[in-house]
């Protein structure tokens, strides 16, 4: 148990790591309910530049987790 945590994390991954990343996100939500978790492919919106969205996501969190699968 991580205890009572606050802060934010962004999970960044290639499409082939999507299933692993989803499982990790759900585990983090259970173990650290006070931590805001952002998953880049879920948050992206069409019509807005990909690079800007990723940069904004990185700038808005305390930690970035890059998942390589």
C-alpha atoms as a PDB file:
ATOM      1  CA  UNK A   1       0.000   0.000   0.000  1.00  0.00           C
ATOM      2  CA  UNK A   2       1.372   3.379  -0.977  1.00  0.00           C
ATOM      3  CA  UNK A   3      -0.511   5.254   1.717  1.00  0.00           C
ATOM      4  CA  UNK A   4      -2.219   8.572   1.153  1.00  0.00           C
ATOM      5  CA  UNK A   5      -0.555  10.145  -1.885  1.00  0.00           C
ATOM      6  CA  UNK A   6      -1.226  13.278  -3.876  1.00  0.00           C
ATOM      7  CA  UNK A   7       0.199  14.497  -7.133  1.00  0.00           C
ATOM      8  CA  UNK A   8      -0.169  13.534 -10.745  1.00  0.00           C
ATOM      9  CA  UNK A   9       1.363  11.139 -13.223  1.00  0.00           C
ATOM     10  CA  UNK A  10       1.089  10.771 -16.987  1.00  0.00           C
ATOM     11  CA  UNK A  11       1.413   7.344 -18.578  1.00  0.00           C
ATOM     12  CA  UNK A  12       2.904   7.503 -22.070  1.00  0.00           C
ATOM     13  CA  UNK A  13       3.131   4.414 -24.253  1.00  0.00           C
ATOM     14  CA  UNK A  14       3.106   2.986 -27.773  1.00  0.00           C
ATOM     15  CA  UNK A  15      -0.133   1.420 -28.968  1.00  0.00           C
ATOM     16  CA  UNK A  16       1.130  -2.129 -28.473  1.00  0.00           C
ATOM     17  CA  UNK A  17       1.506  -1.395 -24.742  1.00  0.00           C
ATOM     18  CA  UNK A  18      -2.088  -0.251 -24.312  1.00  0.00           C
ATOM     19  CA  UNK A  19      -3.352  -3.341 -22.459  1.00  0.00           C
ATOM     20  CA  UNK A  20      -0.414  -3.280 -20.013  1.00  0.00           C
ATOM     21  CA  UNK A  21      -0.848   0.481 -19.465  1.00  0.00           C
ATOM     22  CA  UNK A  22      -4.582   0.119 -18.770  1.00  0.00           C
ATOM     23  CA  UNK A  23      -3.865  -2.561 -16.153  1.00  0.00           C
ATOM     24  CA  UNK A  24      -1.168  -0.367 -14.581  1.00  0.00           C
ATOM     25  CA  UNK A  25      -3.526   2.639 -14.484  1.00  0.00           C
ATOM     26  CA  UNK A  26      -6.219   0.601 -12.719  1.00  0.00           C
ATOM     27  CA  UNK A  27      -3.702  -0.774 -10.190  1.00  0.00           C
ATOM     28  CA  UNK A  28      -2.393   2.731  -9.455  1.00  0.00           C
ATOM     29  CA  UNK A  29      -5.963   3.996  -8.960  1.00  0.00           C
ATOM     30  CA  UNK A  30      -6.587   1.283  -6.365  1.00  0.00           C
ATOM     31  CA  UNK A  31      -3.242   1.625  -4.573  1.00  0.00           C
ATOM     32  CA  UNK A  32      -2.878   5.430  -4.712  1.00  0.00           C
ATOM     33  CA  UNK A  33      -6.372   6.945  -4.883  1.00  0.00           C
ATOM     34  CA  UNK A  34      -5.128  10.502  -4.258  1.00  0.00           C
ATOM     35  CA  UNK A  35      -2.872  10.519  -7.330  1.00  0.00           C
ATOM     36  CA  UNK A  36      -4.284  11.926 -10.564  1.00  0.00           C
ATOM     37  CA  UNK A  37      -3.442   9.554 -13.421  1.00  0.00           C
ATOM     38  CA  UNK A  38      -3.471  10.661 -17.041  1.00  0.00           C
ATOM     39  CA  UNK A  39      -3.118   8.232 -19.912  1.00  0.00           C
ATOM     40  CA  UNK A  40      -2.033   9.997 -23.095  1.00  0.00           C
ATOM     41  CA  UNK A  41      -4.008   8.066 -25.709  1.00  0.00           C
ATOM     42  CA  UNK A  42      -7.229   8.488 -23.695  1.00  0.00           C
ATOM     43  CA  UNK A  43      -6.830  12.254 -23.285  1.00  0.00           C
ATOM     44  CA  UNK A  44      -5.875  13.162 -26.858  1.00  0.00           C
ATOM     45  CA  UNK A  45      -8.471  14.904 -28.986  1.00  0.00           C
ATOM     46  CA  UNK A  46      -8.719  15.011 -32.755  1.00  0.00           C
ATOM     47  CA  UNK A  47      -7.965  18.210 -34.623  1.00  0.00           C
ATOM     48  CA  UNK A  48      -5.390  19.386 -32.085  1.00  0.00           C
ATOM     49  CA  UNK A  49      -1.681  18.911 -32.747  1.00  0.00           C
ATOM     50  CA  UNK A  50      -0.317  15.681 -31.265  1.00  0.00           C
ATOM     51  CA  UNK A  51       2.954  17.273 -30.168  1.00  0.00           C
ATOM     52  CA  UNK A  52       1.199  20.131 -28.345  1.00  0.00           C
ATOM     53  CA  UNK A  53      -1.113  17.714 -26.538  1.00  0.00           C
ATOM     54  CA  UNK A  54       1.812  15.564 -25.380  1.00  0.00           C
ATOM     55  CA  UNK A  55       3.816  18.625 -24.303  1.00  0.00           C
ATOM     56  CA  UNK A  56       0.828  20.012 -22.375  1.00  0.00           C
ATOM     57  CA  UNK A  57       0.297  16.639 -20.678  1.00  0.00           C
ATOM     58  CA  UNK A  58       3.952  16.441 -19.615  1.00  0.00           C
ATOM     59  CA  UNK A  59       3.934  20.019 -18.335  1.00  0.00           C
ATOM     60  CA  UNK A  60       0.779  19.401 -16.284  1.00  0.00           C
ATOM     61  CA  UNK A  61       2.006  16.463 -14.160  1.00  0.00           C
ATOM     62  CA  UNK A  62       4.554  15.786 -11.439  1.00  0.00           C
ATOM     63  CA  UNK A  63       5.803  12.515 -12.983  1.00  0.00           C
ATOM     64  CA  UNK A  64       5.988  11.027 -16.480  1.00  0.00           C
ATOM     65  CA  UNK A  65       6.104   7.258 -16.900  1.00  0.00           C
ATOM     66  CA  UNK A  66       7.252   6.094 -20.333  1.00  0.00           C
ATOM     67  CA  UNK A  67       6.195   2.504 -20.973  1.00  0.00           C
ATOM     68  CA  UNK A  68       8.159   0.442 -23.474  1.00  0.00           C
ATOM     69  CA  UNK A  69       6.581  -2.897 -24.412  1.00  0.00           C
END
